[in-house]
Protein backbone atom coordinates (compact mmCIF):
# COMPACT_ATOMS: atom_id res chain seq x y z
CA UNK A 1 115.41 71.44 92.83
CA UNK A 2 112.09 73.21 92.45
CA UNK A 3 112.17 76.71 94.02
CA UNK A 4 109.09 78.90 94.41
CA UNK A 5 108.92 82.39 95.95
CA UNK A 6 105.57 84.13 96.42
CA UNK A 7 104.79 87.71 97.47
CA UNK A 8 101.52 88.66 99.19
CA UNK A 9 100.88 92.40 99.41
CA UNK A 10 97.27 92.68 98.27
CA UNK A 11 94.11 92.62 100.34
CA UNK A 12 92.55 89.23 101.02
CA UNK A 13 88.84 89.35 101.72
CA UNK A 14 89.12 86.09 103.64
CA UNK A 15 92.01 83.99 105.03
CA UNK A 16 93.58 81.90 102.26
CA UNK A 17 94.99 78.34 102.63
CA UNK A 18 98.13 76.93 101.00
CA UNK A 19 99.29 73.33 101.24
CA UNK A 20 102.90 72.14 101.37
CA UNK A 21 104.48 68.74 101.85
CA UNK A 22 105.61 69.74 105.35
CA UNK A 23 102.46 71.47 106.51
CA UNK A 24 99.45 73.68 105.96
CA UNK A 25 99.67 77.47 105.75
CA UNK A 26 96.96 80.11 106.15
CA UNK A 27 97.57 83.75 105.25
CA UNK A 28 95.49 86.85 105.82
CA UNK A 29 96.35 90.41 104.76
CA UNK A 30 93.98 93.31 105.32
CA UNK A 31 94.62 96.99 104.56
CA UNK A 32 93.65 99.78 106.93
CA UNK A 33 92.35 101.76 103.96
CA UNK A 34 91.39 100.06 100.72
CA UNK A 35 92.39 102.98 98.48
CA UNK A 36 96.01 103.17 99.72
CA UNK A 37 99.01 100.86 99.15
CA UNK A 38 99.46 98.20 101.82
CA UNK A 39 102.55 98.65 103.96
CA UNK A 40 102.47 94.99 105.07
CA UNK A 41 103.75 92.07 103.03
CA UNK A 42 104.39 88.34 103.35
CA UNK A 43 106.92 86.34 101.33
CA UNK A 44 107.02 82.53 101.26
CA UNK A 45 109.88 80.37 100.00
CA UNK A 46 109.36 76.71 99.16
CA UNK A 47 111.73 74.07 97.84
CA UNK A 48 110.42 70.86 96.31
CA UNK A 49 106.96 71.83 97.58
CA UNK A 50 108.08 72.16 101.22
CA UNK A 51 107.94 75.54 102.97
CA UNK A 52 111.49 76.47 104.02
CA UNK A 53 111.10 80.15 104.94
CA UNK A 54 108.42 82.75 105.50
CA UNK A 55 108.97 86.48 105.94
CA UNK A 56 106.54 89.13 107.20
CA UNK A 57 107.35 92.83 106.98
CA UNK A 58 105.41 95.89 108.13
CA UNK A 59 106.26 99.28 106.66
CA UNK A 60 106.06 101.45 109.73
CA UNK A 61 103.32 104.07 109.87
CA UNK A 62 104.62 107.59 109.54
CA UNK A 63 107.75 106.47 107.68
CA UNK A 64 107.96 107.70 104.11
CA UNK A 65 107.73 104.93 101.55
CA UNK A 66 106.76 102.10 103.90
CA UNK A 67 105.26 100.22 100.96
CA UNK A 68 108.58 100.52 99.08
CA UNK A 69 110.41 99.21 102.14
CA UNK A 70 108.41 95.97 102.26
CA UNK A 71 108.83 95.49 98.50
CA UNK A 72 112.59 95.79 99.06
CA UNK A 73 112.27 92.80 101.39
CA UNK A 74 110.60 90.76 98.63
CA UNK A 75 113.24 91.77 96.06
CA UNK A 76 116.01 90.79 98.48
CA UNK A 77 114.54 87.36 99.21
CA UNK A 78 114.22 86.66 95.48
CA UNK A 79 117.74 87.83 94.70
CA UNK A 80 119.35 85.74 97.43
CA UNK A 81 117.38 82.50 97.06
CA UNK A 82 117.39 82.58 93.25
CA UNK A 83 121.12 83.35 93.02
CA UNK A 84 123.35 80.71 91.49
CA UNK A 85 125.56 81.15 94.53
CA UNK A 86 122.71 80.65 97.02
CA UNK A 87 123.73 78.51 99.97
CA UNK A 88 122.34 75.05 100.64
CA UNK A 89 122.09 76.31 104.22
CA UNK A 90 118.84 78.28 104.48
CA UNK A 91 120.05 80.00 107.65
CA UNK A 92 122.67 81.77 105.55
CA UNK A 93 120.10 82.60 102.87
CA UNK A 94 117.67 84.11 105.38
CA UNK A 95 120.42 86.17 107.01
CA UNK A 96 121.72 87.36 103.61
CA UNK A 97 118.20 88.29 102.46
CA UNK A 98 117.50 90.35 105.58
CA UNK A 99 120.90 92.04 105.40
CA UNK A 100 120.30 92.94 101.73
CA UNK A 101 116.77 94.20 102.50
CA UNK A 102 118.18 96.46 105.21
CA UNK A 103 120.69 97.89 102.73
CA UNK A 104 117.99 98.43 100.09
CA UNK A 105 115.75 100.27 102.57
CA UNK A 106 118.63 102.49 103.67
CA UNK A 107 119.44 103.17 100.00
CA UNK A 108 115.92 104.55 99.49
CA UNK A 109 117.11 107.59 101.50
CA UNK A 110 113.51 108.52 102.20
CA UNK A 111 113.34 107.84 105.91
CA UNK A 112 111.52 104.60 105.11
CA UNK A 113 111.56 101.75 107.59
CA UNK A 114 110.00 98.34 108.09
CA UNK A 115 109.84 95.60 110.65
CA UNK A 116 110.96 92.10 109.72
CA UNK A 117 110.00 88.78 111.28
CA UNK A 118 110.80 85.43 109.69
CA UNK A 119 110.93 81.69 110.20
CA UNK A 120 113.51 79.33 108.71
CA UNK A 121 111.82 75.93 108.65
CA UNK A 122 113.97 72.81 108.53
CA UNK A 123 113.52 69.11 109.12
CA UNK A 124 111.95 68.98 112.60
CA UNK A 125 113.21 72.42 113.64
CA UNK A 126 112.47 76.11 113.19
CA UNK A 127 114.50 79.26 113.80
CA UNK A 128 113.04 82.75 114.30
CA UNK A 129 114.51 86.06 113.08
CA UNK A 130 113.13 89.50 113.90
CA UNK A 131 113.75 93.22 114.17
CA UNK A 132 110.87 95.49 115.15
CA UNK A 133 107.49 94.95 116.76
CA UNK A 134 106.03 92.27 114.48
CA UNK A 135 105.87 89.01 116.43
CA UNK A 136 106.46 85.28 116.09
CA UNK A 137 105.06 82.41 118.15
CA UNK A 138 105.96 78.72 118.16
CA UNK A 139 103.33 76.61 119.90
CA UNK A 140 103.49 72.96 120.90
CA UNK A 141 100.71 70.64 122.00
CA UNK A 142 97.80 72.19 123.91
CA UNK A 143 98.98 75.66 123.05
CA UNK A 144 102.23 75.47 125.04
CA UNK A 145 104.48 78.39 124.07
CA UNK A 146 107.84 77.09 122.87
CA UNK A 147 108.99 80.50 121.68
CA UNK A 148 107.67 84.07 121.64
CA UNK A 149 109.65 86.96 120.19
CA UNK A 150 109.99 90.22 122.11
CA UNK A 151 108.71 93.38 120.45
CA UNK A 152 111.46 95.92 119.85
CA UNK A 153 109.45 98.88 121.13
CA UNK A 154 108.85 100.72 124.43
CA UNK A 155 105.83 98.46 124.93
CA UNK A 156 107.82 95.27 124.32
CA UNK A 157 110.69 96.30 126.59
CA UNK A 158 108.27 97.26 129.36
CA UNK A 159 106.45 93.93 129.14
CA UNK A 160 109.69 91.95 129.11
CA UNK A 161 110.93 93.77 132.21
CA UNK A 162 107.83 92.69 134.13
CA UNK A 163 107.22 96.24 135.32
CA UNK A 164 103.84 96.39 133.57
CA UNK A 165 101.19 93.91 132.47
CA UNK A 166 99.41 93.64 129.13
CA UNK A 167 96.21 94.86 130.77
CA UNK A 168 97.70 98.20 131.85
CA UNK A 169 100.68 98.74 129.55
CA UNK A 170 98.73 101.37 127.60
CA UNK A 171 98.44 103.47 130.78
CA UNK A 172 102.20 103.67 131.33
CA UNK A 173 103.52 103.47 127.77
CA UNK A 174 102.03 106.27 125.70
CA UNK A 175 104.33 105.84 122.70
CA UNK A 176 103.53 102.15 122.12
CA UNK A 177 103.53 102.66 118.35
CA UNK A 178 107.18 103.73 118.34
CA UNK A 179 109.61 101.07 117.12
CA UNK A 180 113.24 100.93 118.17
CA UNK A 181 114.58 98.54 115.55
CA UNK A 182 113.94 97.37 112.01
CA UNK A 183 115.00 97.50 108.36
CA UNK A 184 116.42 100.92 107.57
CA UNK A 185 117.41 101.67 111.17
CA UNK A 186 120.98 102.62 111.97
CA UNK A 187 122.06 100.17 113.10
CA UNK A 188 119.55 97.40 112.43
CA UNK A 189 119.95 94.71 115.11
CA UNK A 190 118.57 91.32 114.13
CA UNK A 191 117.49 88.97 116.92
CA UNK A 192 117.95 85.30 116.00
CA UNK A 193 116.65 82.41 118.10
CA UNK A 194 118.32 79.09 118.74
CA UNK A 195 117.01 76.08 116.86
CA UNK A 196 113.56 75.20 118.20
CA UNK A 197 112.56 71.54 117.95
CA UNK A 198 109.40 70.95 115.96
CA UNK A 199 107.01 68.07 116.57
CA UNK A 200 104.16 66.98 114.35
CA UNK A 201 101.24 69.46 114.44
CA UNK A 202 103.26 72.26 116.11
CA UNK A 203 102.13 75.76 115.11
CA UNK A 204 104.13 78.69 113.76
CA UNK A 205 102.49 82.12 113.85
CA UNK A 206 103.68 85.47 112.46
CA UNK A 207 101.84 88.75 112.84
CA UNK A 208 102.25 92.46 112.27
CA UNK A 209 101.79 94.64 115.35
CA UNK A 210 98.03 95.04 115.05
CA UNK A 211 97.47 91.64 116.71
CA UNK A 212 99.69 91.96 119.82
CA UNK A 213 98.55 95.55 120.39
CA UNK A 214 94.88 94.58 120.45
CA UNK A 215 94.86 91.04 121.84
CA UNK A 216 96.60 89.68 124.93
CA UNK A 217 99.13 86.88 124.67
CA UNK A 218 96.57 84.48 126.14
CA UNK A 219 93.92 85.57 123.62
CA UNK A 220 96.31 85.10 120.68
CA UNK A 221 97.35 81.63 121.89
CA UNK A 222 93.69 80.63 122.29
CA UNK A 223 92.78 81.96 118.85
CA UNK A 224 95.51 80.06 117.03
CA UNK A 225 95.52 76.81 119.00
CA UNK A 226 91.88 76.07 119.88
CA UNK A 227 89.27 74.30 117.78
CA UNK A 228 89.25 73.14 114.18
CA UNK A 229 92.45 74.26 112.43
CA UNK A 230 90.70 75.30 109.23
CA UNK A 231 88.41 77.64 111.20
CA UNK A 232 91.06 79.38 113.33
CA UNK A 233 92.09 81.96 110.76
CA UNK A 234 88.43 82.70 110.08
CA UNK A 235 88.02 83.36 113.79
CA UNK A 236 91.04 85.70 113.78
CA UNK A 237 89.52 87.49 110.79
CA UNK A 238 86.17 87.85 112.58
CA UNK A 239 87.76 89.09 115.80
CA UNK A 240 89.92 91.64 113.97
CA UNK A 241 86.88 92.86 112.03
CA UNK A 242 84.99 93.39 115.29
CA UNK A 243 87.86 95.35 116.81
CA UNK A 244 88.77 97.39 113.76
CA UNK A 245 86.32 100.17 114.60
CA UNK A 246 87.68 100.47 118.14
CA UNK A 247 91.39 100.55 117.31
CA UNK A 248 93.77 102.77 115.44
CA UNK A 249 93.56 101.85 111.76
CA UNK A 250 96.55 99.84 110.64
CA UNK A 251 97.32 97.20 108.03
CA UNK A 252 97.08 93.67 109.39
CA UNK A 253 98.99 90.61 108.17
CA UNK A 254 99.07 87.20 109.82
CA UNK A 255 100.42 83.77 108.87
CA UNK A 256 99.63 80.48 110.61
CA UNK A 257 101.52 77.29 109.68
CA UNK A 258 100.79 73.81 111.04
CA UNK A 259 103.90 71.67 110.74
CA UNK A 260 103.60 68.09 109.52
CA UNK A 261 106.65 65.86 109.94
CA UNK A 262 107.71 64.50 106.58
CA UNK A 263 108.05 60.75 106.75
C-alpha cells in the first residue's frame, strides 16, 4: 500500500489544485500577517493515490502556542497512520489521531488550543469529525446541503437554537470569537457524524472560522457549488481578499474536494 501524508501550513498566494483517483482537491491557506507563524494547518492522507482523510486545524487566537497546537495535529496524524499497528479501518485511525493530538496539545501546558475538523472519505461515503468553530459542508447536486457541522461557540449555539439569524447574530452575540470546544480543552468533546452517502460530483468543504463569520450559509453554498469547478476557489480567494480589510484579521484555510466515484 502506498501511503502519503502532506502538511500545509505555509501561505499560498493562490488556491492550489491536487488530483487523486477519487476526486479533485483545492486548498487555500492565507495568513493574517505575513511575518508571523500561521495558526491554521491542513493535513491530507492518501492511500494508493486516493484521498482517505483530510484534517483542518485552527490554532485559536489569543491562545499561547496556537501554531504549536496545529503542528501537534500533523504529528499525531503521521504517527497514527504510519504506525505498523495502524488499523485498516480509517474511522479508528482518524479517531486515534484526534485523540492523540488532543493529548499532545494538553501536554504543551501553555494554554494552547486548536479547533479540529476532518473528513474520513470512503468508498461512496464520508464521515465528518469536529470540535470547535471550524466548519464542514457536504453538498449534493445543485448545492443541496447533505451535512453542515455546528460551530461549537456562542454564535453556533445561538444559530442552531433558531433564536437569532445569521444577519443579526453579531448584534446579540458579542463574544462570537469565543470557542467552547477543541483540542486542548478539558474535556474535548468530538462530534462525529453518521456515514453520509456520497454520489459522483458531490462536494466536501472544510473551512476555518473566517469563512462562516464573514459569509452567510447561502453565500458559502453559492461560492462552492456554482459555476466552473476550477474557478470556484479563485472566487473564494477574491471574495476573501475584498473582505479582508473590513474584517478582523485572522488566518484563513479552506479545502474543497469534488468526489469522483471510482469505477
